[in-house]
Amino acid sequence: MTSLLKNGVQTLNSSSIMVSNNSEHRATLRQWQLFILTVEKGSILAASAAANTDAAVVSREITKLEHLLQEPLLERSRSGVRPTWLGAQKYKEAIKILHDINTVFSETENTSIGSSTIRLAVPGALTGLIAKPLAEFEKLQSSNHTRIEINSYQNINDIQPENFDLIVCLQTLPNVRMIAYDIASISYGIFASPDFIAQNKRISDPAQLEKLPLIHSKSEKVLLQGPFQSITITVDPQIRINSNEAMISAAVEGLGIALRIPLWAAEPLAKNGKLRHLLPNWHIPNAPVWLLKHPGRKISALEKLIQFLRKTGTFHPTLTKTE
C-alpha cells in the first residue's frame, strides 16, 4: 500500500470509487488509505498503529465510507475484521486508483528536478552541525539548482512527518512510516572554563562531579564510560538548560561544569582556550543520528543528498583530547 498523500487532489471517479480533497459527500484519499490498511492488517488496531494514528480515527473514517456507499465494507468481530463482498471489490479499485494518483505525482516531481525544493526537518541541537555539509552539497549541484528548506524542531512529536522530504532525528527513531538511514554518531564531553577549574580542586574522578555545580538539561542518572570501567552518577544540575548554545555560554562564564556538550559544538572554544575538556578519558555514550526519508518522494536530488550526508566526513567531527 502507498502512503503518499497530496493536497489539492481533484475529484476522481473510477467505477464508484470517489476521491475528493474536502467534500463532505465524497470519500477522501485518507479514508481509502485507512480502509486499505485495515484490510491488509486484518484489524483496526493494527491499521491505526501502521498509520500512526488512533484506532478511533480509523474506525470513524471507515464508517464514513460505509455511510457514503450505504453498505458495510468490513465484517467486524472480536478477532479482527475482514472485507465484505463489496469491501473486497472496493479494496481492489482503491488500490488501483491510489497507485495511479501516486504515479502521476511521481512523474510530475521527476520532471521538475531543476527547480526542486527539498524540505528538511532538523533538531535545533543539530542545525549548526548540518549547515556546513548542506552548503557544500548545494555548491556541488552545478547543473540543477536544488533549494533546501530547513525547518528546526525541538520535539519530533510536534511536527507532521508527511510535510517533509527528509527528517534528521537524534538518538531515538520515531514511530513513523519512513525509511531510516544511520548517518552519524554524536560524541559528547564534559567542559568548564579555565577560571572555574582554577577555583575548584583538580577533577580526576567522575564521582567528584556530583559535588560540584553542574549545567545540564534535567535531573537524571548519567552513564560515564571510562577506558576500563563505567560509572553512573546522579546529576542534580544547579543550572538547567536544554540548549547547546546556552549551556556552552554558561560554562564559558564560569557558572559550572557543562555535561553532555557535543564535541563538534565545543571544539572552537576548546581550541581558543575558553573551555577545557574535563575527564577526557571518560565519555557519555554517543548518540546516533538518523536520516528519515519519506517513502513516496522520487526526486533524484533527494537521493544524491542522502548519499552525500552518509559519506561526507564533515558530518563526523572529532575533538582532540585536552587536559
C-alpha atoms as a PDB file:
ATOM      1  CA  MET A   1       0.000   0.000   0.000  1.00  0.00           C
ATOM      2  CA  THR A   2       1.193   3.509  -0.721  1.00  0.00           C
ATOM      3  CA  SER A   3       1.303   6.161   1.985  1.00  0.00           C
ATOM      4  CA  LEU A   4       1.664   9.277  -0.144  1.00  0.00           C
ATOM      5  CA  LEU A   5      -0.941  11.981   0.473  1.00  0.00           C
ATOM      6  CA  LYS A   6      -1.220  15.021  -1.765  1.00  0.00           C
ATOM      7  CA  ASN A   7      -3.038  18.291  -1.156  1.00  0.00           C
ATOM      8  CA  GLY A   8      -5.425  19.747  -3.662  1.00  0.00           C
ATOM      9  CA  VAL A   9      -6.312  16.496  -5.427  1.00  0.00           C
ATOM     10  CA  GLN A  10      -9.202  16.987  -7.801  1.00  0.00           C
ATOM     11  CA  THR A  11     -12.278  14.744  -7.639  1.00  0.00           C
ATOM     12  CA  LEU A  12     -11.678  11.438  -9.435  1.00  0.00           C
ATOM     13  CA  ASN A  13     -14.096   8.679 -10.364  1.00  0.00           C
ATOM     14  CA  SER A  14     -13.232   5.061 -11.090  1.00  0.00           C
ATOM     15  CA  SER A  15     -16.250   2.776 -11.042  1.00  0.00           C
ATOM     16  CA  SER A  16     -17.846   4.032  -7.831  1.00  0.00           C
ATOM     17  CA  ILE A  17     -14.598   4.976  -6.084  1.00  0.00           C
ATOM     18  CA  MET A  18     -14.699   8.692  -5.386  1.00  0.00           C
ATOM     19  CA  VAL A  19     -11.761  10.744  -4.138  1.00  0.00           C
ATOM     20  CA  SER A  20     -12.058  14.341  -3.020  1.00  0.00           C
ATOM     21  CA  ASN A  21      -9.930  16.752  -1.046  1.00  0.00           C
ATOM     22  CA  ASN A  22     -12.536  18.293   1.224  1.00  0.00           C
ATOM     23  CA  SER A  23     -16.061  17.426   0.167  1.00  0.00           C
ATOM     24  CA  GLU A  24     -18.381  16.025   2.838  1.00  0.00           C
ATOM     25  CA  HIS A  25     -20.224  13.987   0.216  1.00  0.00           C
ATOM     26  CA  ARG A  26     -17.265  12.150  -1.278  1.00  0.00           C
ATOM     27  CA  ALA A  27     -14.610   9.864   0.114  1.00  0.00           C
ATOM     28  CA  THR A  28     -11.117  11.209   0.795  1.00  0.00           C
ATOM     29  CA  LEU A  29      -7.740   9.720  -0.056  1.00  0.00           C
ATOM     30  CA  ARG A  30      -7.075   9.341   3.646  1.00  0.00           C
ATOM     31  CA  GLN A  31     -10.248   7.298   4.162  1.00  0.00           C
ATOM     32  CA  TRP A  32      -9.394   4.884   1.360  1.00  0.00           C
ATOM     33  CA  GLN A  33      -5.834   4.545   2.615  1.00  0.00           C
ATOM     34  CA  LEU A  34      -7.047   3.672   6.112  1.00  0.00           C
ATOM     35  CA  PHE A  35      -9.543   1.202   4.637  1.00  0.00           C
ATOM     36  CA  ILE A  36      -6.785  -0.490   2.607  1.00  0.00           C
ATOM     37  CA  LEU A  37      -4.525  -0.655   5.657  1.00  0.00           C
ATOM     38  CA  THR A  38      -7.296  -2.201   7.735  1.00  0.00           C
ATOM     39  CA  VAL A  39      -7.972  -4.877   5.126  1.00  0.00           C
ATOM     40  CA  GLU A  40      -4.267  -5.678   4.814  1.00  0.00           C
ATOM     41  CA  LYS A  41      -3.583  -5.701   8.562  1.00  0.00           C
ATOM     42  CA  GLY A  42      -6.740  -7.578   9.495  1.00  0.00           C
ATOM     43  CA  SER A  43      -7.744  -5.273  12.348  1.00  0.00           C
ATOM     44  CA  ILE A  44      -8.476  -1.633  13.040  1.00  0.00           C
ATOM     45  CA  LEU A  45      -5.947  -1.575  15.885  1.00  0.00           C
ATOM     46  CA  ALA A  46      -3.128  -2.868  13.681  1.00  0.00           C
ATOM     47  CA  ALA A  47      -4.070  -0.391  10.939  1.00  0.00           C
ATOM     48  CA  SER A  48      -4.023   2.513  13.398  1.00  0.00           C
ATOM     49  CA  ALA A  49      -0.528   1.515  14.553  1.00  0.00           C
ATOM     50  CA  ALA A  50       0.717   1.319  10.957  1.00  0.00           C
ATOM     51  CA  ALA A  51      -0.848   4.702  10.151  1.00  0.00           C
ATOM     52  CA  ASN A  52       0.484   6.254  13.375  1.00  0.00           C
ATOM     53  CA  THR A  53      -2.975   7.396  14.462  1.00  0.00           C
ATOM     54  CA  ASP A  54      -5.721   6.414  16.900  1.00  0.00           C
ATOM     55  CA  ALA A  55      -7.916   3.372  16.357  1.00  0.00           C
ATOM     56  CA  ALA A  56     -10.961   5.604  16.872  1.00  0.00           C
ATOM     57  CA  VAL A  57      -9.858   7.749  13.911  1.00  0.00           C
ATOM     58  CA  VAL A  58      -9.521   4.700  11.649  1.00  0.00           C
ATOM     59  CA  SER A  59     -12.912   3.349  12.699  1.00  0.00           C
ATOM     60  CA  ARG A  60     -14.595   6.722  12.203  1.00  0.00           C
ATOM     61  CA  GLU A  61     -13.192   7.267   8.716  1.00  0.00           C
ATOM     62  CA  ILE A  62     -14.161   3.773   7.540  1.00  0.00           C
ATOM     63  CA  THR A  63     -17.649   4.273   8.960  1.00  0.00           C
ATOM     64  CA  LYS A  64     -17.923   7.440   6.880  1.00  0.00           C
ATOM     65  CA  LEU A  65     -17.028   5.413   3.778  1.00  0.00           C
ATOM     66  CA  GLU A  66     -19.697   2.849   4.578  1.00  0.00           C
ATOM     67  CA  HIS A  67     -22.245   5.614   5.137  1.00  0.00           C
ATOM     68  CA  LEU A  68     -21.416   7.145   1.747  1.00  0.00           C
ATOM     69  CA  LEU A  69     -21.716   3.781  -0.005  1.00  0.00           C
ATOM     70  CA  GLN A  70     -24.747   2.810   2.101  1.00  0.00           C
ATOM     71  CA  GLU A  71     -23.306  -0.676   2.564  1.00  0.00           C
ATOM     72  CA  PRO A  72     -20.789  -2.199   5.018  1.00  0.00           C
ATOM     73  CA  LEU A  73     -17.238  -2.663   3.786  1.00  0.00           C
ATOM     74  CA  LEU A  74     -15.988  -4.714   6.736  1.00  0.00           C
ATOM     75  CA  GLU A  75     -17.247  -7.557   8.851  1.00  0.00           C
ATOM     76  CA  ARG A  76     -16.165  -6.815  12.416  1.00  0.00           C
ATOM     77  CA  SER A  77     -15.536  -9.419  15.108  1.00  0.00           C
ATOM     78  CA  ARG A  78     -13.503  -9.807  18.267  1.00  0.00           C
ATOM     79  CA  SER A  79     -10.724 -11.483  16.302  1.00  0.00           C
ATOM     80  CA  GLY A  80     -10.449  -8.625  13.791  1.00  0.00           C
ATOM     81  CA  VAL A  81     -12.056  -7.586  10.514  1.00  0.00           C
ATOM     82  CA  ARG A  82     -12.422  -8.941   7.005  1.00  0.00           C
ATOM     83  CA  PRO A  83     -13.868  -7.284   3.905  1.00  0.00           C
ATOM     84  CA  THR A  84     -17.432  -7.925   2.826  1.00  0.00           C
ATOM     85  CA  TRP A  85     -18.098  -8.822  -0.800  1.00  0.00           C
ATOM     86  CA  LEU A  86     -18.431  -5.095  -1.561  1.00  0.00           C
ATOM     87  CA  GLY A  87     -15.369  -4.348   0.578  1.00  0.00           C
ATOM     88  CA  ALA A  88     -13.252  -6.793  -1.416  1.00  0.00           C
ATOM     89  CA  GLN A  89     -14.295  -5.134  -4.682  1.00  0.00           C
ATOM     90  CA  LYS A  90     -13.658  -1.624  -3.370  1.00  0.00           C
ATOM     91  CA  TYR A  91     -10.284  -2.700  -1.993  1.00  0.00           C
ATOM     92  CA  LYS A  92      -9.125  -3.695  -5.486  1.00  0.00           C
ATOM     93  CA  GLU A  93     -10.464  -0.483  -7.016  1.00  0.00           C
ATOM     94  CA  ALA A  94      -8.922   1.708  -4.303  1.00  0.00           C
ATOM     95  CA  ILE A  95      -5.506   0.078  -4.666  1.00  0.00           C
ATOM     96  CA  LYS A  96      -5.518   0.786  -8.403  1.00  0.00           C
ATOM     97  CA  ILE A  97      -6.685   4.391  -8.240  1.00  0.00           C
ATOM     98  CA  LEU A  98      -4.280   5.356  -5.443  1.00  0.00           C
ATOM     99  CA  HIS A  99      -1.439   3.766  -7.396  1.00  0.00           C
ATOM    100  CA  ASP A 100      -2.408   5.813 -10.460  1.00  0.00           C
ATOM    101  CA  ILE A 101      -2.544   9.029  -8.428  1.00  0.00           C
ATOM    102  CA  ASN A 102       0.914   8.474  -6.940  1.00  0.00           C
ATOM    103  CA  THR A 103       2.345   7.585 -10.342  1.00  0.00           C
ATOM    104  CA  VAL A 104       1.110  10.909 -11.725  1.00  0.00           C
ATOM    105  CA  PHE A 105       2.621  12.883  -8.860  1.00  0.00           C
ATOM    106  CA  SER A 106       5.927  10.996  -9.008  1.00  0.00           C
ATOM    107  CA  GLU A 107       6.248  11.754 -12.727  1.00  0.00           C
ATOM    108  CA  THR A 108       5.494  15.416 -12.042  1.00  0.00           C
ATOM    109  CA  GLU A 109       8.193  15.585  -9.379  1.00  0.00           C
ATOM    110  CA  ASN A 110      10.758  13.909 -11.622  1.00  0.00           C
ATOM    111  CA  THR A 111      10.165  16.402 -14.454  1.00  0.00           C
ATOM    112  CA  SER A 112      10.742  19.394 -12.189  1.00  0.00           C
ATOM    113  CA  ILE A 113      14.097  18.441 -10.681  1.00  0.00           C
ATOM    114  CA  GLY A 114      15.767  21.599 -11.984  1.00  0.00           C
ATOM    115  CA  SER A 115      13.779  23.759  -9.567  1.00  0.00           C
ATOM    116  CA  SER A 116      13.090  21.201  -6.838  1.00  0.00           C
ATOM    117  CA  THR A 117      12.892  22.057  -3.161  1.00  0.00           C
ATOM    118  CA  ILE A 118      13.902  19.534  -0.513  1.00  0.00           C
ATOM    119  CA  ARG A 119      12.065  20.107   2.756  1.00  0.00           C
ATOM    120  CA  LEU A 120      14.284  19.079   5.666  1.00  0.00           C
ATOM    121  CA  ALA A 121      13.367  18.921   9.369  1.00  0.00           C
ATOM    122  CA  VAL A 122      16.315  19.123  11.772  1.00  0.00           C
ATOM    123  CA  PRO A 123      16.515  19.104  15.593  1.00  0.00           C
ATOM    124  CA  GLY A 124      17.501  22.509  16.924  1.00  0.00           C
ATOM    125  CA  ALA A 125      20.548  20.922  18.581  1.00  0.00           C
ATOM    126  CA  LEU A 126      21.917  19.814  15.190  1.00  0.00           C
ATOM    127  CA  THR A 127      21.226  22.794  12.935  1.00  0.00           C
ATOM    128  CA  GLY A 128      24.737  24.164  13.469  1.00  0.00           C
ATOM    129  CA  LEU A 129      26.281  20.814  12.603  1.00  0.00           C
ATOM    130  CA  ILE A 130      24.317  20.078   9.450  1.00  0.00           C
ATOM    131  CA  ALA A 131      24.508  23.580   7.957  1.00  0.00           C
ATOM    132  CA  LYS A 132      28.044  23.144   6.604  1.00  0.00           C
ATOM    133  CA  PRO A 133      27.533  19.864   4.714  1.00  0.00           C
ATOM    134  CA  LEU A 134      24.274  21.199   3.275  1.00  0.00           C
ATOM    135  CA  ALA A 135      26.087  24.273   1.957  1.00  0.00           C
ATOM    136  CA  GLU A 136      28.761  22.046   0.418  1.00  0.00           C
ATOM    137  CA  PHE A 137      26.093  19.895  -1.218  1.00  0.00           C
ATOM    138  CA  GLU A 138      24.445  22.916  -2.828  1.00  0.00           C
ATOM    139  CA  LYS A 139      27.780  24.041  -4.285  1.00  0.00           C
ATOM    140  CA  LEU A 140      28.166  20.656  -5.987  1.00  0.00           C
ATOM    141  CA  GLN A 141      24.789  20.936  -7.745  1.00  0.00           C
ATOM    142  CA  SER A 142      26.088  22.761 -10.820  1.00  0.00           C
ATOM    143  CA  SER A 143      23.561  21.516 -13.381  1.00  0.00           C
ATOM    144  CA  ASN A 144      20.387  21.501 -11.296  1.00  0.00           C
ATOM    145  CA  HIS A 145      19.554  24.117  -8.722  1.00  0.00           C
ATOM    146  CA  THR A 146      18.171  22.404  -5.624  1.00  0.00           C
ATOM    147  CA  ARG A 147      16.738  24.523  -2.862  1.00  0.00           C
ATOM    148  CA  ILE A 148      16.996  23.092   0.658  1.00  0.00           C
ATOM    149  CA  GLU A 149      14.407  24.348   3.122  1.00  0.00           C
ATOM    150  CA  ILE A 150      15.482  23.710   6.720  1.00  0.00           C
ATOM    151  CA  ASN A 151      12.878  23.614   9.476  1.00  0.00           C
ATOM    152  CA  SER A 152      14.104  23.401  13.064  1.00  0.00           C
ATOM    153  CA  TYR A 153      12.157  21.476  15.685  1.00  0.00           C
ATOM    154  CA  GLN A 154      12.577  20.666  19.379  1.00  0.00           C
ATOM    155  CA  ASN A 155      10.390  17.560  19.657  1.00  0.00           C
ATOM    156  CA  ILE A 156       9.734  15.278  16.704  1.00  0.00           C
ATOM    157  CA  ASN A 157       6.217  14.639  18.001  1.00  0.00           C
ATOM    158  CA  ASP A 158       5.439  18.299  17.306  1.00  0.00           C
ATOM    159  CA  ILE A 159       5.937  18.024  13.518  1.00  0.00           C
ATOM    160  CA  GLN A 160       3.967  16.338  10.736  1.00  0.00           C
ATOM    161  CA  PRO A 161       6.378  13.862   9.057  1.00  0.00           C
ATOM    162  CA  GLU A 162       4.417  13.848   5.792  1.00  0.00           C
ATOM    163  CA  ASN A 163       5.230  17.551   5.338  1.00  0.00           C
ATOM    164  CA  PHE A 164       8.954  16.843   4.889  1.00  0.00           C
ATOM    165  CA  ASP A 165      11.109  15.006   2.366  1.00  0.00           C
ATOM    166  CA  LEU A 166      13.788  14.252   4.949  1.00  0.00           C
ATOM    167  CA  ILE A 167      13.855  14.314   8.742  1.00  0.00           C
ATOM    168  CA  VAL A 168      17.019  14.280  10.820  1.00  0.00           C
ATOM    169  CA  CYS A 169      16.459  12.806  14.257  1.00  0.00           C
ATOM    170  CA  LEU A 170      18.777  12.220  17.189  1.00  0.00           C
ATOM    171  CA  GLN A 171      19.234   9.011  19.165  1.00  0.00           C
ATOM    172  CA  THR A 172      15.694   7.548  19.015  1.00  0.00           C
ATOM    173  CA  LEU A 173      13.738   6.563  15.916  1.00  0.00           C
ATOM    174  CA  PRO A 174      10.144   7.811  15.969  1.00  0.00           C
ATOM    175  CA  ASN A 175       7.221   5.528  15.184  1.00  0.00           C
ATOM    176  CA  VAL A 176       6.656   6.813  11.649  1.00  0.00           C
ATOM    177  CA  ARG A 177       6.477   5.028   8.290  1.00  0.00           C
ATOM    178  CA  MET A 178       9.700   6.350   6.783  1.00  0.00           C
ATOM    179  CA  ILE A 179      12.948   4.821   5.525  1.00  0.00           C
ATOM    180  CA  ALA A 180      15.763   5.245   8.069  1.00  0.00           C
ATOM    181  CA  TYR A 181      19.482   5.724   7.361  1.00  0.00           C
ATOM    182  CA  ASP A 182      22.169   5.787  10.053  1.00  0.00           C
ATOM    183  CA  ILE A 183      24.310   8.777   9.042  1.00  0.00           C
ATOM    184  CA  ALA A 184      26.355   9.851  12.060  1.00  0.00           C
ATOM    185  CA  SER A 185      27.180   9.427  15.721  1.00  0.00           C
ATOM    186  CA  ILE A 186      27.452  12.425  18.051  1.00  0.00           C
ATOM    187  CA  SER A 187      30.213  12.344  20.675  1.00  0.00           C
ATOM    188  CA  TYR A 188      29.812  14.253  23.945  1.00  0.00           C
ATOM    189  CA  GLY A 189      32.193  15.693  26.503  1.00  0.00           C
ATOM    190  CA  ILE A 190      32.336  17.460  29.873  1.00  0.00           C
ATOM    191  CA  PHE A 191      33.508  21.093  29.786  1.00  0.00           C
ATOM    192  CA  ALA A 192      34.239  24.008  32.104  1.00  0.00           C
ATOM    193  CA  SER A 193      36.056  27.317  31.876  1.00  0.00           C
ATOM    194  CA  PRO A 194      39.724  27.632  32.969  1.00  0.00           C
ATOM    195  CA  ASP A 195      38.659  30.091  35.712  1.00  0.00           C
ATOM    196  CA  PHE A 196      36.116  27.643  37.128  1.00  0.00           C
ATOM    197  CA  ILE A 197      38.719  24.867  37.146  1.00  0.00           C
ATOM    198  CA  ALA A 198      41.252  27.149  38.858  1.00  0.00           C
ATOM    199  CA  GLN A 199      38.752  27.947  41.631  1.00  0.00           C
ATOM    200  CA  ASN A 200      37.993  24.281  42.270  1.00  0.00           C
ATOM    201  CA  LYS A 201      40.268  21.394  43.054  1.00  0.00           C
ATOM    202  CA  ARG A 202      41.551  19.291  40.176  1.00  0.00           C
ATOM    203  CA  ILE A 203      38.890  16.880  38.959  1.00  0.00           C
ATOM    204  CA  SER A 204      40.259  13.397  38.354  1.00  0.00           C
ATOM    205  CA  ASP A 205      37.313  11.179  39.276  1.00  0.00           C
ATOM    206  CA  PRO A 206      33.797  11.289  37.737  1.00  0.00           C
ATOM    207  CA  ALA A 207      32.277  10.827  41.203  1.00  0.00           C
ATOM    208  CA  GLN A 208      33.565  14.306  42.110  1.00  0.00           C
ATOM    209  CA  LEU A 209      31.120  15.829  39.642  1.00  0.00           C
ATOM    210  CA  GLU A 210      28.177  15.129  41.951  1.00  0.00           C
ATOM    211  CA  LYS A 211      29.551  17.619  44.494  1.00  0.00           C
ATOM    212  CA  LEU A 212      30.153  20.485  42.031  1.00  0.00           C
ATOM    213  CA  PRO A 213      27.825  22.994  40.280  1.00  0.00           C
ATOM    214  CA  LEU A 214      26.593  21.308  37.118  1.00  0.00           C
ATOM    215  CA  ILE A 215      24.945  22.629  33.956  1.00  0.00           C
ATOM    216  CA  HIS A 216      22.607  20.087  32.415  1.00  0.00           C
ATOM    217  CA  SER A 217      19.155  19.753  30.878  1.00  0.00           C
ATOM    218  CA  LYS A 218      17.484  17.864  33.750  1.00  0.00           C
ATOM    219  CA  SER A 219      17.951  15.815  36.907  1.00  0.00           C
ATOM    220  CA  GLU A 220      18.852  12.267  35.962  1.00  0.00           C
ATOM    221  CA  LYS A 221      21.401   9.500  36.244  1.00  0.00           C
ATOM    222  CA  VAL A 222      24.181   9.836  33.656  1.00  0.00           C
ATOM    223  CA  LEU A 223      26.365   6.979  32.484  1.00  0.00           C
ATOM    224  CA  LEU A 224      30.065   7.714  32.010  1.00  0.00           C
ATOM    225  CA  GLN A 225      32.263   5.173  30.240  1.00  0.00           C
ATOM    226  CA  GLY A 226      35.973   5.014  31.015  1.00  0.00           C
ATOM    227  CA  PRO A 227      38.827   3.013  29.498  1.00  0.00           C
ATOM    228  CA  PHE A 228      38.313   0.048  31.853  1.00  0.00           C
ATOM    229  CA  GLN A 229      35.017   0.636  33.661  1.00  0.00           C
ATOM    230  CA  SER A 230      31.758   2.563  33.653  1.00  0.00           C
ATOM    231  CA  ILE A 231      30.128   4.632  36.362  1.00  0.00           C
ATOM    232  CA  THR A 232      26.677   6.143  36.796  1.00  0.00           C
ATOM    233  CA  ILE A 233      26.485   9.496  38.536  1.00  0.00           C
ATOM    234  CA  THR A 234      23.418  11.241  39.906  1.00  0.00           C
ATOM    235  CA  VAL A 235      23.035  14.642  38.300  1.00  0.00           C
ATOM    236  CA  ASP A 236      21.017  17.363  40.027  1.00  0.00           C
ATOM    237  CA  PRO A 237      22.064  20.413  37.973  1.00  0.00           C
ATOM    238  CA  GLN A 238      22.410  23.800  39.572  1.00  0.00           C
ATOM    239  CA  ILE A 239      21.527  25.319  36.189  1.00  0.00           C
ATOM    240  CA  ARG A 240      19.058  23.556  33.894  1.00  0.00           C
ATOM    241  CA  ILE A 241      19.386  24.410  30.200  1.00  0.00           C
ATOM    242  CA  ASN A 242      18.144  22.425  27.177  1.00  0.00           C
ATOM    243  CA  SER A 243      20.121  24.332  24.540  1.00  0.00           C
ATOM    244  CA  ASN A 244      23.682  23.522  23.460  1.00  0.00           C
ATOM    245  CA  GLU A 245      24.483  27.175  22.828  1.00  0.00           C
ATOM    246  CA  ALA A 246      23.163  28.315  26.213  1.00  0.00           C
ATOM    247  CA  MET A 247      24.955  25.516  28.066  1.00  0.00           C
ATOM    248  CA  ILE A 248      28.234  26.429  26.394  1.00  0.00           C
ATOM    249  CA  SER A 249      27.762  30.130  27.188  1.00  0.00           C
ATOM    250  CA  ALA A 250      27.059  29.342  30.836  1.00  0.00           C
ATOM    251  CA  ALA A 251      30.201  27.196  31.014  1.00  0.00           C
ATOM    252  CA  VAL A 252      32.333  29.907  29.386  1.00  0.00           C
ATOM    253  CA  GLU A 253      31.064  32.375  32.015  1.00  0.00           C
ATOM    254  CA  GLY A 254      32.311  30.030  34.751  1.00  0.00           C
ATOM    255  CA  LEU A 255      28.886  29.152  36.133  1.00  0.00           C
ATOM    256  CA  GLY A 256      29.586  25.442  36.408  1.00  0.00           C
ATOM    257  CA  ILE A 257      30.539  22.246  34.608  1.00  0.00           C
ATOM    258  CA  ALA A 258      28.563  21.555  31.446  1.00  0.00           C
ATOM    259  CA  LEU A 259      27.631  17.923  30.900  1.00  0.00           C
ATOM    260  CA  ARG A 260      26.797  16.324  27.575  1.00  0.00           C
ATOM    261  CA  ILE A 261      28.142  19.034  25.275  1.00  0.00           C
ATOM    262  CA  PRO A 262      28.615  17.794  21.677  1.00  0.00           C
ATOM    263  CA  LEU A 263      32.306  17.773  20.810  1.00  0.00           C
ATOM    264  CA  TRP A 264      31.633  19.484  17.485  1.00  0.00           C
ATOM    265  CA  ALA A 265      29.969  22.408  19.274  1.00  0.00           C
ATOM    266  CA  ALA A 266      32.661  22.788  21.930  1.00  0.00           C
ATOM    267  CA  GLU A 267      35.662  22.320  19.632  1.00  0.00           C
ATOM    268  CA  PRO A 268      36.188  26.007  18.628  1.00  0.00           C
ATOM    269  CA  LEU A 269      36.066  27.208  22.245  1.00  0.00           C
ATOM    270  CA  ALA A 270      38.322  24.381  23.417  1.00  0.00           C
ATOM    271  CA  LYS A 271      40.904  25.333  20.799  1.00  0.00           C
ATOM    272  CA  ASN A 272      40.943  29.026  21.759  1.00  0.00           C
ATOM    273  CA  GLY A 273      41.168  28.239  25.466  1.00  0.00           C
ATOM    274  CA  LYS A 274      37.758  29.451  26.622  1.00  0.00           C
ATOM    275  CA  LEU A 275      36.728  25.930  27.596  1.00  0.00           C
ATOM    276  CA  ARG A 276      38.622  22.933  28.978  1.00  0.00           C
ATOM    277  CA  HIS A 277      37.729  19.340  28.239  1.00  0.00           C
ATOM    278  CA  LEU A 278      37.411  17.628  31.631  1.00  0.00           C
ATOM    279  CA  LEU A 279      37.943  13.911  32.200  1.00  0.00           C
ATOM    280  CA  PRO A 280      38.838  13.316  28.532  1.00  0.00           C
ATOM    281  CA  ASN A 281      39.230   9.572  29.128  1.00  0.00           C
ATOM    282  CA  TRP A 282      35.600   9.372  30.250  1.00  0.00           C
ATOM    283  CA  HIS A 283      32.729   9.948  27.887  1.00  0.00           C
ATOM    284  CA  ILE A 284      28.964   9.910  27.764  1.00  0.00           C
ATOM    285  CA  PRO A 285      27.719   7.253  25.279  1.00  0.00           C
ATOM    286  CA  ASN A 286      27.443   8.519  21.717  1.00  0.00           C
ATOM    287  CA  ALA A 287      24.050   9.265  20.228  1.00  0.00           C
ATOM    288  CA  PRO A 288      23.223   8.015  16.721  1.00  0.00           C
ATOM    289  CA  VAL A 289      21.884  10.446  14.146  1.00  0.00           C
ATOM    290  CA  TRP A 290      19.238   9.114  11.762  1.00  0.00           C
ATOM    291  CA  LEU A 291      18.048  10.410   8.434  1.00  0.00           C
ATOM    292  CA  LEU A 292      14.436   9.552   7.645  1.00  0.00           C
ATOM    293  CA  LYS A 293      13.195   9.611   4.066  1.00  0.00           C
ATOM    294  CA  HIS A 294       9.560   9.885   3.079  1.00  0.00           C
ATOM    295  CA  PRO A 295       8.873   6.677   1.078  1.00  0.00           C
ATOM    296  CA  GLY A 296       6.830   8.488  -1.582  1.00  0.00           C
ATOM    297  CA  ARG A 297       9.423  11.044  -2.657  1.00  0.00           C
ATOM    298  CA  LYS A 298      11.117  10.351  -6.020  1.00  0.00           C
ATOM    299  CA  ILE A 299      13.264  13.479  -6.556  1.00  0.00           C
ATOM    300  CA  SER A 300      16.697  12.440  -7.849  1.00  0.00           C
ATOM    301  CA  ALA A 301      18.414  15.287  -5.970  1.00  0.00           C
ATOM    302  CA  LEU A 302      16.974  13.826  -2.789  1.00  0.00           C
ATOM    303  CA  GLU A 303      18.827  10.563  -3.307  1.00  0.00           C
ATOM    304  CA  LYS A 304      22.036  12.493  -4.016  1.00  0.00           C
ATOM    305  CA  LEU A 305      21.651  14.443  -0.786  1.00  0.00           C
ATOM    306  CA  ILE A 306      21.108  11.265   1.230  1.00  0.00           C
ATOM    307  CA  GLN A 307      24.244   9.664  -0.204  1.00  0.00           C
ATOM    308  CA  PHE A 308      26.228  12.871   0.350  1.00  0.00           C
ATOM    309  CA  LEU A 309      25.253  13.121   4.014  1.00  0.00           C
ATOM    310  CA  ARG A 310      26.037   9.448   4.564  1.00  0.00           C
ATOM    311  CA  LYS A 311      29.527   9.733   3.038  1.00  0.00           C
ATOM    312  CA  THR A 312      30.769  13.229   3.888  1.00  0.00           C
ATOM    313  CA  GLY A 313      33.437  13.443   6.558  1.00  0.00           C
ATOM    314  CA  THR A 314      32.295  16.900   7.686  1.00  0.00           C
ATOM    315  CA  PHE A 315      29.395  15.270   9.479  1.00  0.00           C
ATOM    316  CA  HIS A 316      31.702  13.339  11.804  1.00  0.00           C
ATOM    317  CA  PRO A 317      33.782  15.976  13.671  1.00  0.00           C
ATOM    318  CA  THR A 318      36.249  14.993  16.390  1.00  0.00           C
ATOM    319  CA  LEU A 319      37.825  16.870  19.242  1.00  0.00           C
ATOM    320  CA  THR A 320      41.477  16.486  20.151  1.00  0.00           C
ATOM    321  CA  LYS A 321      41.674  15.471  23.797  1.00  0.00           C
ATOM    322  CA  THR A 322      42.965  18.268  26.034  1.00  0.00           C
ATOM    323  CA  GLU A 323      43.749  18.264  29.721  1.00  0.00           C
END
